[in-house]
Amino acid sequence: AGLDTALGAVLPWFLVLNAAFCLGLADSAVA
């Protein structure tokens, strides 16, 4: 069940937090 766990539990956190990191980079560059 490793893949299902990765997709359901790990992937959403990783993708959203990665996006938040990118937003921080973009925001700070604009500032």
mmCIF file of all heavy atoms, coordinates in Angstrom:
data_MODEL
# 
_entry.id   MODEL 
# 
loop_
_atom_site.group_PDB 
_atom_site.id 
_atom_site.type_symbol 
_atom_site.label_atom_id 
_atom_site.label_alt_id 
_atom_site.label_comp_id 
_atom_site.label_asym_id 
_atom_site.label_entity_id 
_atom_site.label_seq_id 
_atom_site.pdbx_PDB_ins_code 
_atom_site.Cartn_x 
_atom_site.Cartn_y 
_atom_site.Cartn_z 
_atom_site.occupancy 
_atom_site.B_iso_or_equiv 
_atom_site.pdbx_formal_charge 
_atom_site.auth_seq_id 
_atom_site.auth_comp_id 
_atom_site.auth_asym_id 
_atom_site.auth_atom_id 
_atom_site.pdbx_PDB_model_num 
ATOM 1   N N   . ALA A 1 1  ? 0.823  -1.221 0.000  1.00 0.00 ? 1  ALA A N   1 
ATOM 2   C CA  . ALA A 1 1  ? 0.000  0.000  0.000  1.00 0.00 ? 1  ALA A CA  1 
ATOM 3   C C   . ALA A 1 1  ? 0.852  1.265  0.000  1.00 0.00 ? 1  ALA A C   1 
ATOM 4   O O   . ALA A 1 1  ? 0.343  2.352  0.274  1.00 0.00 ? 1  ALA A O   1 
ATOM 5   C CB  . ALA A 1 1  ? -0.932 0.008  1.200  1.00 0.00 ? 1  ALA A CB  1 
ATOM 6   N N   . GLY A 1 2  ? 2.125  1.112  -0.304 1.00 0.00 ? 2  GLY A N   1 
ATOM 7   C CA  . GLY A 1 2  ? 3.024  2.262  -0.249 1.00 0.00 ? 2  GLY A CA  1 
ATOM 8   C C   . GLY A 1 2  ? 2.622  3.396  -1.188 1.00 0.00 ? 2  GLY A C   1 
ATOM 9   O O   . GLY A 1 2  ? 2.621  4.566  -0.796 1.00 0.00 ? 2  GLY A O   1 
ATOM 10  N N   . LEU A 1 3  ? 2.277  3.060  -2.425 1.00 0.00 ? 3  LEU A N   1 
ATOM 11  C CA  . LEU A 1 3  ? 1.931  4.098  -3.397 1.00 0.00 ? 3  LEU A CA  1 
ATOM 12  C C   . LEU A 1 3  ? 0.661  4.841  -2.986 1.00 0.00 ? 3  LEU A C   1 
ATOM 13  O O   . LEU A 1 3  ? 0.608  6.075  -3.045 1.00 0.00 ? 3  LEU A O   1 
ATOM 14  C CB  . LEU A 1 3  ? 1.757  3.495  -4.789 1.00 0.00 ? 3  LEU A CB  1 
ATOM 15  C CG  . LEU A 1 3  ? 1.385  4.495  -5.896 1.00 0.00 ? 3  LEU A CG  1 
ATOM 16  C CD1 . LEU A 1 3  ? 2.455  5.577  -6.039 1.00 0.00 ? 3  LEU A CD1 1 
ATOM 17  C CD2 . LEU A 1 3  ? 1.179  3.766  -7.226 1.00 0.00 ? 3  LEU A CD2 1 
ATOM 18  N N   . ASP A 1 4  ? -0.345 4.091  -2.547 1.00 0.00 ? 4  ASP A N   1 
ATOM 19  C CA  . ASP A 1 4  ? -1.590 4.740  -2.130 1.00 0.00 ? 4  ASP A CA  1 
ATOM 20  C C   . ASP A 1 4  ? -1.357 5.671  -0.944 1.00 0.00 ? 4  ASP A C   1 
ATOM 21  O O   . ASP A 1 4  ? -1.940 6.756  -0.868 1.00 0.00 ? 4  ASP A O   1 
ATOM 22  C CB  . ASP A 1 4  ? -2.635 3.682  -1.769 1.00 0.00 ? 4  ASP A CB  1 
ATOM 23  C CG  . ASP A 1 4  ? -3.123 2.918  -2.997 1.00 0.00 ? 4  ASP A CG  1 
ATOM 24  O OD1 . ASP A 1 4  ? -3.025 3.475  -4.110 1.00 0.00 ? 4  ASP A OD1 1 
ATOM 25  O OD2 . ASP A 1 4  ? -3.585 1.771  -2.836 1.00 0.00 ? 4  ASP A OD2 1 
ATOM 26  N N   . THR A 1 5  ? -0.494 5.249  -0.035 1.00 0.00 ? 5  THR A N   1 
ATOM 27  C CA  . THR A 1 5  ? -0.185 6.094  1.122  1.00 0.00 ? 5  THR A CA  1 
ATOM 28  C C   . THR A 1 5  ? 0.568  7.344  0.689  1.00 0.00 ? 5  THR A C   1 
ATOM 29  O O   . THR A 1 5  ? 0.295  8.452  1.161  1.00 0.00 ? 5  THR A O   1 
ATOM 30  C CB  . THR A 1 5  ? 0.651  5.309  2.147  1.00 0.00 ? 5  THR A CB  1 
ATOM 31  O OG1 . THR A 1 5  ? -0.084 4.167  2.589  1.00 0.00 ? 5  THR A OG1 1 
ATOM 32  C CG2 . THR A 1 5  ? 1.006  6.179  3.344  1.00 0.00 ? 5  THR A CG2 1 
ATOM 33  N N   . ALA A 1 6  ? 1.513  7.156  -0.226 1.00 0.00 ? 6  ALA A N   1 
ATOM 34  C CA  . ALA A 1 6  ? 2.281  8.300  -0.715 1.00 0.00 ? 6  ALA A CA  1 
ATOM 35  C C   . ALA A 1 6  ? 1.377  9.311  -1.412 1.00 0.00 ? 6  ALA A C   1 
ATOM 36  O O   . ALA A 1 6  ? 1.506  10.522 -1.203 1.00 0.00 ? 6  ALA A O   1 
ATOM 37  C CB  . ALA A 1 6  ? 3.378  7.828  -1.665 1.00 0.00 ? 6  ALA A CB  1 
ATOM 38  N N   . LEU A 1 7  ? 0.452  8.810  -2.221 1.00 0.00 ? 7  LEU A N   1 
ATOM 39  C CA  . LEU A 1 7  ? -0.436 9.707  -2.962 1.00 0.00 ? 7  LEU A CA  1 
ATOM 40  C C   . LEU A 1 7  ? -1.460 10.377 -2.054 1.00 0.00 ? 7  LEU A C   1 
ATOM 41  O O   . LEU A 1 7  ? -1.783 11.556 -2.238 1.00 0.00 ? 7  LEU A O   1 
ATOM 42  C CB  . LEU A 1 7  ? -1.164 8.927  -4.066 1.00 0.00 ? 7  LEU A CB  1 
ATOM 43  C CG  . LEU A 1 7  ? -0.306 8.389  -5.209 1.00 0.00 ? 7  LEU A CG  1 
ATOM 44  C CD1 . LEU A 1 7  ? -1.154 7.575  -6.172 1.00 0.00 ? 7  LEU A CD1 1 
ATOM 45  C CD2 . LEU A 1 7  ? 0.392  9.514  -5.939 1.00 0.00 ? 7  LEU A CD2 1 
ATOM 46  N N   . GLY A 1 8  ? -1.948 9.635  -1.075 1.00 0.00 ? 8  GLY A N   1 
ATOM 47  C CA  . GLY A 1 8  ? -3.022 10.172 -0.246 1.00 0.00 ? 8  GLY A CA  1 
ATOM 48  C C   . GLY A 1 8  ? -2.557 10.969 0.957  1.00 0.00 ? 8  GLY A C   1 
ATOM 49  O O   . GLY A 1 8  ? -3.243 11.899 1.397  1.00 0.00 ? 8  GLY A O   1 
ATOM 50  N N   . ALA A 1 9  ? -1.388 10.619 1.504  1.00 0.00 ? 9  ALA A N   1 
ATOM 51  C CA  . ALA A 1 9  ? -0.933 11.268 2.737  1.00 0.00 ? 9  ALA A CA  1 
ATOM 52  C C   . ALA A 1 9  ? 0.283  12.150 2.547  1.00 0.00 ? 9  ALA A C   1 
ATOM 53  O O   . ALA A 1 9  ? 0.377  13.228 3.131  1.00 0.00 ? 9  ALA A O   1 
ATOM 54  C CB  . ALA A 1 9  ? -0.624 10.195 3.793  1.00 0.00 ? 9  ALA A CB  1 
ATOM 55  N N   . VAL A 1 10 ? 1.228  11.712 1.744  1.00 0.00 ? 10 VAL A N   1 
ATOM 56  C CA  . VAL A 1 10 ? 2.497  12.437 1.612  1.00 0.00 ? 10 VAL A CA  1 
ATOM 57  C C   . VAL A 1 10 ? 2.445  13.484 0.507  1.00 0.00 ? 10 VAL A C   1 
ATOM 58  O O   . VAL A 1 10 ? 2.837  14.643 0.712  1.00 0.00 ? 10 VAL A O   1 
ATOM 59  C CB  . VAL A 1 10 ? 3.660  11.457 1.343  1.00 0.00 ? 10 VAL A CB  1 
ATOM 60  C CG1 . VAL A 1 10 ? 4.969  12.220 1.187  1.00 0.00 ? 10 VAL A CG1 1 
ATOM 61  C CG2 . VAL A 1 10 ? 3.769  10.436 2.471  1.00 0.00 ? 10 VAL A CG2 1 
ATOM 62  N N   . LEU A 1 11 ? 1.969  13.091 -0.662 1.00 0.00 ? 11 LEU A N   1 
ATOM 63  C CA  . LEU A 1 11 ? 2.029  13.981 -1.824 1.00 0.00 ? 11 LEU A CA  1 
ATOM 64  C C   . LEU A 1 11 ? 1.311  15.309 -1.618 1.00 0.00 ? 11 LEU A C   1 
ATOM 65  O O   . LEU A 1 11 ? 1.877  16.369 -1.940 1.00 0.00 ? 11 LEU A O   1 
ATOM 66  C CB  . LEU A 1 11 ? 1.478  13.264 -3.062 1.00 0.00 ? 11 LEU A CB  1 
ATOM 67  C CG  . LEU A 1 11 ? 1.728  13.973 -4.397 1.00 0.00 ? 11 LEU A CG  1 
ATOM 68  C CD1 . LEU A 1 11 ? 3.224  14.035 -4.697 1.00 0.00 ? 11 LEU A CD1 1 
ATOM 69  C CD2 . LEU A 1 11 ? 1.005  13.253 -5.533 1.00 0.00 ? 11 LEU A CD2 1 
ATOM 70  N N   . PRO A 1 12 ? 0.085  15.333 -1.095 1.00 0.00 ? 12 PRO A N   1 
ATOM 71  C CA  . PRO A 1 12 ? -0.572 16.639 -0.917 1.00 0.00 ? 12 PRO A CA  1 
ATOM 72  C C   . PRO A 1 12 ? 0.236  17.586 -0.037 1.00 0.00 ? 12 PRO A C   1 
ATOM 73  O O   . PRO A 1 12 ? 0.367  18.775 -0.350 1.00 0.00 ? 12 PRO A O   1 
ATOM 74  C CB  . PRO A 1 12 ? -1.912 16.265 -0.257 1.00 0.00 ? 12 PRO A CB  1 
ATOM 75  C CG  . PRO A 1 12 ? -2.167 14.868 -0.712 1.00 0.00 ? 12 PRO A CG  1 
ATOM 76  C CD  . PRO A 1 12 ? -0.820 14.220 -0.738 1.00 0.00 ? 12 PRO A CD  1 
ATOM 77  N N   . TRP A 1 13 ? 0.781  17.089 1.070  1.00 0.00 ? 13 TRP A N   1 
ATOM 78  C CA  . TRP A 1 13 ? 1.591  17.941 1.943  1.00 0.00 ? 13 TRP A CA  1 
ATOM 79  C C   . TRP A 1 13 ? 2.819  18.462 1.210  1.00 0.00 ? 13 TRP A C   1 
ATOM 80  O O   . TRP A 1 13 ? 3.160  19.652 1.282  1.00 0.00 ? 13 TRP A O   1 
ATOM 81  C CB  . TRP A 1 13 ? 2.040  17.148 3.181  1.00 0.00 ? 13 TRP A CB  1 
ATOM 82  C CG  . TRP A 1 13 ? 0.990  17.017 4.224  1.00 0.00 ? 13 TRP A CG  1 
ATOM 83  C CD1 . TRP A 1 13 ? 0.147  15.954 4.419  1.00 0.00 ? 13 TRP A CD1 1 
ATOM 84  C CD2 . TRP A 1 13 ? 0.647  17.980 5.221  1.00 0.00 ? 13 TRP A CD2 1 
ATOM 85  N NE1 . TRP A 1 13 ? -0.696 16.197 5.482  1.00 0.00 ? 13 TRP A NE1 1 
ATOM 86  C CE2 . TRP A 1 13 ? -0.401 17.435 5.996  1.00 0.00 ? 13 TRP A CE2 1 
ATOM 87  C CE3 . TRP A 1 13 ? 1.128  19.248 5.535  1.00 0.00 ? 13 TRP A CE3 1 
ATOM 88  C CZ2 . TRP A 1 13 ? -0.978 18.118 7.061  1.00 0.00 ? 13 TRP A CZ2 1 
ATOM 89  C CZ3 . TRP A 1 13 ? 0.558  19.933 6.605  1.00 0.00 ? 13 TRP A CZ3 1 
ATOM 90  C CH2 . TRP A 1 13 ? -0.481 19.368 7.350  1.00 0.00 ? 13 TRP A CH2 1 
ATOM 91  N N   . PHE A 1 14 ? 3.506  17.553 0.510  1.00 0.00 ? 14 PHE A N   1 
ATOM 92  C CA  . PHE A 1 14 ? 4.742  17.959 -0.181 1.00 0.00 ? 14 PHE A CA  1 
ATOM 93  C C   . PHE A 1 14 ? 4.463  19.001 -1.253 1.00 0.00 ? 14 PHE A C   1 
ATOM 94  O O   . PHE A 1 14 ? 5.170  20.007 -1.351 1.00 0.00 ? 14 PHE A O   1 
ATOM 95  C CB  . PHE A 1 14 ? 5.411  16.740 -0.817 1.00 0.00 ? 14 PHE A CB  1 
ATOM 96  C CG  . PHE A 1 14 ? 6.622  17.092 -1.629 1.00 0.00 ? 14 PHE A CG  1 
ATOM 97  C CD1 . PHE A 1 14 ? 7.819  17.414 -1.012 1.00 0.00 ? 14 PHE A CD1 1 
ATOM 98  C CD2 . PHE A 1 14 ? 6.555  17.124 -3.017 1.00 0.00 ? 14 PHE A CD2 1 
ATOM 99  C CE1 . PHE A 1 14 ? 8.938  17.764 -1.762 1.00 0.00 ? 14 PHE A CE1 1 
ATOM 100 C CE2 . PHE A 1 14 ? 7.665  17.478 -3.769 1.00 0.00 ? 14 PHE A CE2 1 
ATOM 101 C CZ  . PHE A 1 14 ? 8.856  17.787 -3.142 1.00 0.00 ? 14 PHE A CZ  1 
ATOM 102 N N   . LEU A 1 15 ? 3.433  18.790 -2.052 1.00 0.00 ? 15 LEU A N   1 
ATOM 103 C CA  . LEU A 1 15 ? 3.150  19.711 -3.147 1.00 0.00 ? 15 LEU A CA  1 
ATOM 104 C C   . LEU A 1 15 ? 2.702  21.073 -2.632 1.00 0.00 ? 15 LEU A C   1 
ATOM 105 O O   . LEU A 1 15 ? 3.137  22.116 -3.144 1.00 0.00 ? 15 LEU A O   1 
ATOM 106 C CB  . LEU A 1 15 ? 2.074  19.115 -4.068 1.00 0.00 ? 15 LEU A CB  1 
ATOM 107 C CG  . LEU A 1 15 ? 2.456  17.835 -4.815 1.00 0.00 ? 15 LEU A CG  1 
ATOM 108 C CD1 . LEU A 1 15 ? 1.329  17.402 -5.747 1.00 0.00 ? 15 LEU A CD1 1 
ATOM 109 C CD2 . LEU A 1 15 ? 3.745  18.012 -5.601 1.00 0.00 ? 15 LEU A CD2 1 
ATOM 110 N N   . VAL A 1 16 ? 1.856  21.082 -1.613 1.00 0.00 ? 16 VAL A N   1 
ATOM 111 C CA  . VAL A 1 16 ? 1.368  22.352 -1.075 1.00 0.00 ? 16 VAL A CA  1 
ATOM 112 C C   . VAL A 1 16 ? 2.491  23.116 -0.374 1.00 0.00 ? 16 VAL A C   1 
ATOM 113 O O   . VAL A 1 16 ? 2.642  24.338 -0.554 1.00 0.00 ? 16 VAL A O   1 
ATOM 114 C CB  . VAL A 1 16 ? 0.182  22.108 -0.117 1.00 0.00 ? 16 VAL A CB  1 
ATOM 115 C CG1 . VAL A 1 16 ? -0.149 23.376 0.660  1.00 0.00 ? 16 VAL A CG1 1 
ATOM 116 C CG2 . VAL A 1 16 ? -1.037 21.642 -0.903 1.00 0.00 ? 16 VAL A CG2 1 
ATOM 117 N N   . LEU A 1 17 ? 3.299  22.428 0.414  1.00 0.00 ? 17 LEU A N   1 
ATOM 118 C CA  . LEU A 1 17 ? 4.396  23.106 1.105  1.00 0.00 ? 17 LEU A CA  1 
ATOM 119 C C   . LEU A 1 17 ? 5.459  23.585 0.121  1.00 0.00 ? 17 LEU A C   1 
ATOM 120 O O   . LEU A 1 17 ? 6.066  24.653 0.305  1.00 0.00 ? 17 LEU A O   1 
ATOM 121 C CB  . LEU A 1 17 ? 5.011  22.168 2.147  1.00 0.00 ? 17 LEU A CB  1 
ATOM 122 C CG  . LEU A 1 17 ? 4.127  21.872 3.361  1.00 0.00 ? 17 LEU A CG  1 
ATOM 123 C CD1 . LEU A 1 17 ? 4.780  20.828 4.260  1.00 0.00 ? 17 LEU A CD1 1 
ATOM 124 C CD2 . LEU A 1 17 ? 3.852  23.145 4.149  1.00 0.00 ? 17 LEU A CD2 1 
ATOM 125 N N   . ASN A 1 18 ? 5.692  22.815 -0.936 1.00 0.00 ? 18 ASN A N   1 
ATOM 126 C CA  . ASN A 1 18 ? 6.627  23.250 -1.972 1.00 0.00 ? 18 ASN A CA  1 
ATOM 127 C C   . ASN A 1 18 ? 6.111  24.518 -2.635 1.00 0.00 ? 18 ASN A C   1 
ATOM 128 O O   . ASN A 1 18 ? 6.874  25.459 -2.900 1.00 0.00 ? 18 ASN A O   1 
ATOM 129 C CB  . ASN A 1 18 ? 6.814  22.130 -3.002 1.00 0.00 ? 18 ASN A CB  1 
ATOM 130 C CG  . ASN A 1 18 ? 7.968  22.388 -3.940 1.00 0.00 ? 18 ASN A CG  1 
ATOM 131 O OD1 . ASN A 1 18 ? 7.919  23.299 -4.754 1.00 0.00 ? 18 ASN A OD1 1 
ATOM 132 N ND2 . ASN A 1 18 ? 9.005  21.579 -3.831 1.00 0.00 ? 18 ASN A ND2 1 
ATOM 133 N N   . ALA A 1 19 ? 4.815  24.559 -2.894 1.00 0.00 ? 19 ALA A N   1 
ATOM 134 C CA  . ALA A 1 19 ? 4.209  25.750 -3.499 1.00 0.00 ? 19 ALA A CA  1 
ATOM 135 C C   . ALA A 1 19 ? 4.329  26.953 -2.575 1.00 0.00 ? 19 ALA A C   1 
ATOM 136 O O   . ALA A 1 19 ? 4.580  28.080 -3.018 1.00 0.00 ? 19 ALA A O   1 
ATOM 137 C CB  . ALA A 1 19 ? 2.742  25.478 -3.842 1.00 0.00 ? 19 ALA A CB  1 
ATOM 138 N N   . ALA A 1 20 ? 4.133  26.725 -1.274 1.00 0.00 ? 20 ALA A N   1 
ATOM 139 C CA  . ALA A 1 20 ? 4.257  27.818 -0.311 1.00 0.00 ? 20 ALA A CA  1 
ATOM 140 C C   . ALA A 1 20 ? 5.682  28.360 -0.283 1.00 0.00 ? 20 ALA A C   1 
ATOM 141 O O   . ALA A 1 20 ? 5.910  29.570 -0.174 1.00 0.00 ? 20 ALA A O   1 
ATOM 142 C CB  . ALA A 1 20 ? 3.847  27.337 1.079  1.00 0.00 ? 20 ALA A CB  1 
ATOM 143 N N   . PHE A 1 21 ? 6.652  27.465 -0.381 1.00 0.00 ? 21 PHE A N   1 
ATOM 144 C CA  . PHE A 1 21 ? 8.063  27.878 -0.448 1.00 0.00 ? 21 PHE A CA  1 
ATOM 145 C C   . PHE A 1 21 ? 8.302  28.735 -1.692 1.00 0.00 ? 21 PHE A C   1 
ATOM 146 O O   . PHE A 1 21 ? 8.958  29.782 -1.628 1.00 0.00 ? 21 PHE A O   1 
ATOM 147 C CB  . PHE A 1 21 ? 8.940  26.628 -0.473 1.00 0.00 ? 21 PHE A CB  1 
ATOM 148 C CG  . PHE A 1 21 ? 10.384 26.896 -0.789 1.00 0.00 ? 21 PHE A CG  1 
ATOM 149 C CD1 . PHE A 1 21 ? 11.228 27.430 0.173  1.00 0.00 ? 21 PHE A CD1 1 
ATOM 150 C CD2 . PHE A 1 21 ? 10.897 26.606 -2.045 1.00 0.00 ? 21 PHE A CD2 1 
ATOM 151 C CE1 . PHE A 1 21 ? 12.562 27.675 -0.115 1.00 0.00 ? 21 PHE A CE1 1 
ATOM 152 C CE2 . PHE A 1 21 ? 12.219 26.851 -2.337 1.00 0.00 ? 21 PHE A CE2 1 
ATOM 153 C CZ  . PHE A 1 21 ? 13.063 27.390 -1.376 1.00 0.00 ? 21 PHE A CZ  1 
ATOM 154 N N   . CYS A 1 22 ? 7.748  28.299 -2.814 1.00 0.00 ? 22 CYS A N   1 
ATOM 155 C CA  . CYS A 1 22 ? 7.901  29.061 -4.059 1.00 0.00 ? 22 CYS A CA  1 
ATOM 156 C C   . CYS A 1 22 ? 7.252  30.435 -3.945 1.00 0.00 ? 22 CYS A C   1 
ATOM 157 O O   . CYS A 1 22 ? 7.794  31.434 -4.440 1.00 0.00 ? 22 CYS A O   1 
ATOM 158 C CB  . CYS A 1 22 ? 7.290  28.290 -5.229 1.00 0.00 ? 22 CYS A CB  1 
ATOM 159 S SG  . CYS A 1 22 ? 8.217  26.837 -5.730 1.00 0.00 ? 22 CYS A SG  1 
ATOM 160 N N   . LEU A 1 23 ? 6.086  30.491 -3.305 1.00 0.00 ? 23 LEU A N   1 
ATOM 161 C CA  . LEU A 1 23 ? 5.426  31.776 -3.107 1.00 0.00 ? 23 LEU A CA  1 
ATOM 162 C C   . LEU A 1 23 ? 6.297  32.693 -2.259 1.00 0.00 ? 23 LEU A C   1 
ATOM 163 O O   . LEU A 1 23 ? 6.397  33.896 -2.532 1.00 0.00 ? 23 LEU A O   1 
ATOM 164 C CB  . LEU A 1 23 ? 4.065  31.572 -2.439 1.00 0.00 ? 23 LEU A CB  1 
ATOM 165 C CG  . LEU A 1 23 ? 3.315  32.850 -2.053 1.00 0.00 ? 23 LEU A CG  1 
ATOM 166 C CD1 . LEU A 1 23 ? 3.048  33.724 -3.271 1.00 0.00 ? 23 LEU A CD1 1 
ATOM 167 C CD2 . LEU A 1 23 ? 2.004  32.510 -1.340 1.00 0.00 ? 23 LEU A CD2 1 
ATOM 168 N N   . GLY A 1 24 ? 6.921  32.141 -1.235 1.00 0.00 ? 24 GLY A N   1 
ATOM 169 C CA  . GLY A 1 24 ? 7.816  32.937 -0.407 1.00 0.00 ? 24 GLY A CA  1 
ATOM 170 C C   . GLY A 1 24 ? 8.971  33.506 -1.205 1.00 0.00 ? 24 GLY A C   1 
ATOM 171 O O   . GLY A 1 24 ? 9.360  34.676 -1.032 1.00 0.00 ? 24 GLY A O   1 
ATOM 172 N N   . LEU A 1 25 ? 9.535  32.697 -2.092 1.00 0.00 ? 25 LEU A N   1 
ATOM 173 C CA  . LEU A 1 25 ? 10.615 33.177 -2.951 1.00 0.00 ? 25 LEU A CA  1 
ATOM 174 C C   . LEU A 1 25 ? 10.137 34.304 -3.860 1.00 0.00 ? 25 LEU A C   1 
ATOM 175 O O   . LEU A 1 25 ? 10.805 35.342 -4.000 1.00 0.00 ? 25 LEU A O   1 
ATOM 176 C CB  . LEU A 1 25 ? 11.164 32.028 -3.812 1.00 0.00 ? 25 LEU A CB  1 
ATOM 177 C CG  . LEU A 1 25 ? 12.031 30.988 -3.127 1.00 0.00 ? 25 LEU A CG  1 
ATOM 178 C CD1 . LEU A 1 25 ? 12.379 29.876 -4.113 1.00 0.00 ? 25 LEU A CD1 1 
ATOM 179 C CD2 . LEU A 1 25 ? 13.313 31.611 -2.582 1.00 0.00 ? 25 LEU A CD2 1 
ATOM 180 N N   . ALA A 1 26 ? 8.979  34.094 -4.489 1.00 0.00 ? 26 ALA A N   1 
ATOM 181 C CA  . ALA A 1 26 ? 8.446  35.109 -5.403 1.00 0.00 ? 26 ALA A CA  1 
ATOM 182 C C   . ALA A 1 26 ? 8.124  36.394 -4.654 1.00 0.00 ? 26 ALA A C   1 
ATOM 183 O O   . ALA A 1 26 ? 8.456  37.498 -5.103 1.00 0.00 ? 26 ALA A O   1 
ATOM 184 C CB  . ALA A 1 26 ? 7.196  34.570 -6.102 1.00 0.00 ? 26 ALA A CB  1 
ATOM 185 N N   . ASP A 1 27 ? 7.474  36.272 -3.506 1.00 0.00 ? 27 ASP A N   1 
ATOM 186 C CA  . ASP A 1 27 ? 7.117  37.442 -2.706 1.00 0.00 ? 27 ASP A CA  1 
ATOM 187 C C   . ASP A 1 27 ? 8.353  38.243 -2.292 1.00 0.00 ? 27 ASP A C   1 
ATOM 188 O O   . ASP A 1 27 ? 8.381  39.471 -2.389 1.00 0.00 ? 27 ASP A O   1 
ATOM 189 C CB  . ASP A 1 27 ? 6.369  37.009 -1.442 1.00 0.00 ? 27 ASP A CB  1 
ATOM 190 C CG  . ASP A 1 27 ? 4.863  37.150 -1.599 1.00 0.00 ? 27 ASP A CG  1 
ATOM 191 O OD1 . ASP A 1 27 ? 4.417  37.799 -2.559 1.00 0.00 ? 27 ASP A OD1 1 
ATOM 192 O OD2 . ASP A 1 27 ? 4.133  36.624 -0.747 1.00 0.00 ? 27 ASP A OD2 1 
ATOM 193 N N   . SER A 1 28 ? 9.367  37.534 -1.806 1.00 0.00 ? 28 SER A N   1 
ATOM 194 C CA  . SER A 1 28 ? 10.560 38.223 -1.330 1.00 0.00 ? 28 SER A CA  1 
ATOM 195 C C   . SER A 1 28 ? 11.337 38.855 -2.477 1.00 0.00 ? 28 SER A C   1 
ATOM 196 O O   . SER A 1 28 ? 11.932 39.925 -2.320 1.00 0.00 ? 28 SER A O   1 
ATOM 197 C CB  . SER A 1 28 ? 11.458 37.263 -0.544 1.00 0.00 ? 28 SER A CB  1 
ATOM 198 O OG  . SER A 1 28 ? 11.885 36.187 -1.359 1.00 0.00 ? 28 SER A OG  1 
ATOM 199 N N   . ALA A 1 29 ? 11.305 38.220 -3.641 1.00 0.00 ? 29 ALA A N   1 
ATOM 200 C CA  . ALA A 1 29 ? 11.977 38.802 -4.807 1.00 0.00 ? 29 ALA A CA  1 
ATOM 201 C C   . ALA A 1 29 ? 11.269 40.079 -5.249 1.00 0.00 ? 29 ALA A C   1 
ATOM 202 O O   . ALA A 1 29 ? 11.928 41.073 -5.591 1.00 0.00 ? 29 ALA A O   1 
ATOM 203 C CB  . ALA A 1 29 ? 12.010 37.794 -5.957 1.00 0.00 ? 29 ALA A CB  1 
ATOM 204 N N   . VAL A 1 30 ? 9.940  40.058 -5.245 1.00 0.00 ? 30 VAL A N   1 
ATOM 205 C CA  . VAL A 1 30 ? 9.180  41.251 -5.606 1.00 0.00 ? 30 VAL A CA  1 
ATOM 206 C C   . VAL A 1 30 ? 9.452  42.377 -4.607 1.00 0.00 ? 30 VAL A C   1 
ATOM 207 O O   . VAL A 1 30 ? 9.665  43.539 -4.983 1.00 0.00 ? 30 VAL A O   1 
ATOM 208 C CB  . VAL A 1 30 ? 7.670  40.942 -5.665 1.00 0.00 ? 30 VAL A CB  1 
ATOM 209 C CG1 . VAL A 1 30 ? 6.849  42.222 -5.772 1.00 0.00 ? 30 VAL A CG1 1 
ATOM 210 C CG2 . VAL A 1 30 ? 7.359  40.033 -6.853 1.00 0.00 ? 30 VAL A CG2 1 
ATOM 211 N N   . ALA A 1 31 ? 9.465  42.045 -3.319 1.00 0.00 ? 31 ALA A N   1 
ATOM 212 C CA  . ALA A 1 31 ? 9.705  43.059 -2.290 1.00 0.00 ? 31 ALA A CA  1 
ATOM 213 C C   . ALA A 1 31 ? 11.098 43.666 -2.428 1.00 0.00 ? 31 ALA A C   1 
ATOM 214 O O   . ALA A 1 31 ? 11.270 44.893 -2.346 1.00 0.00 ? 31 ALA A O   1 
ATOM 215 C CB  . ALA A 1 31 ? 9.531  42.442 -0.908 1.00 0.00 ? 31 ALA A CB  1 
# 
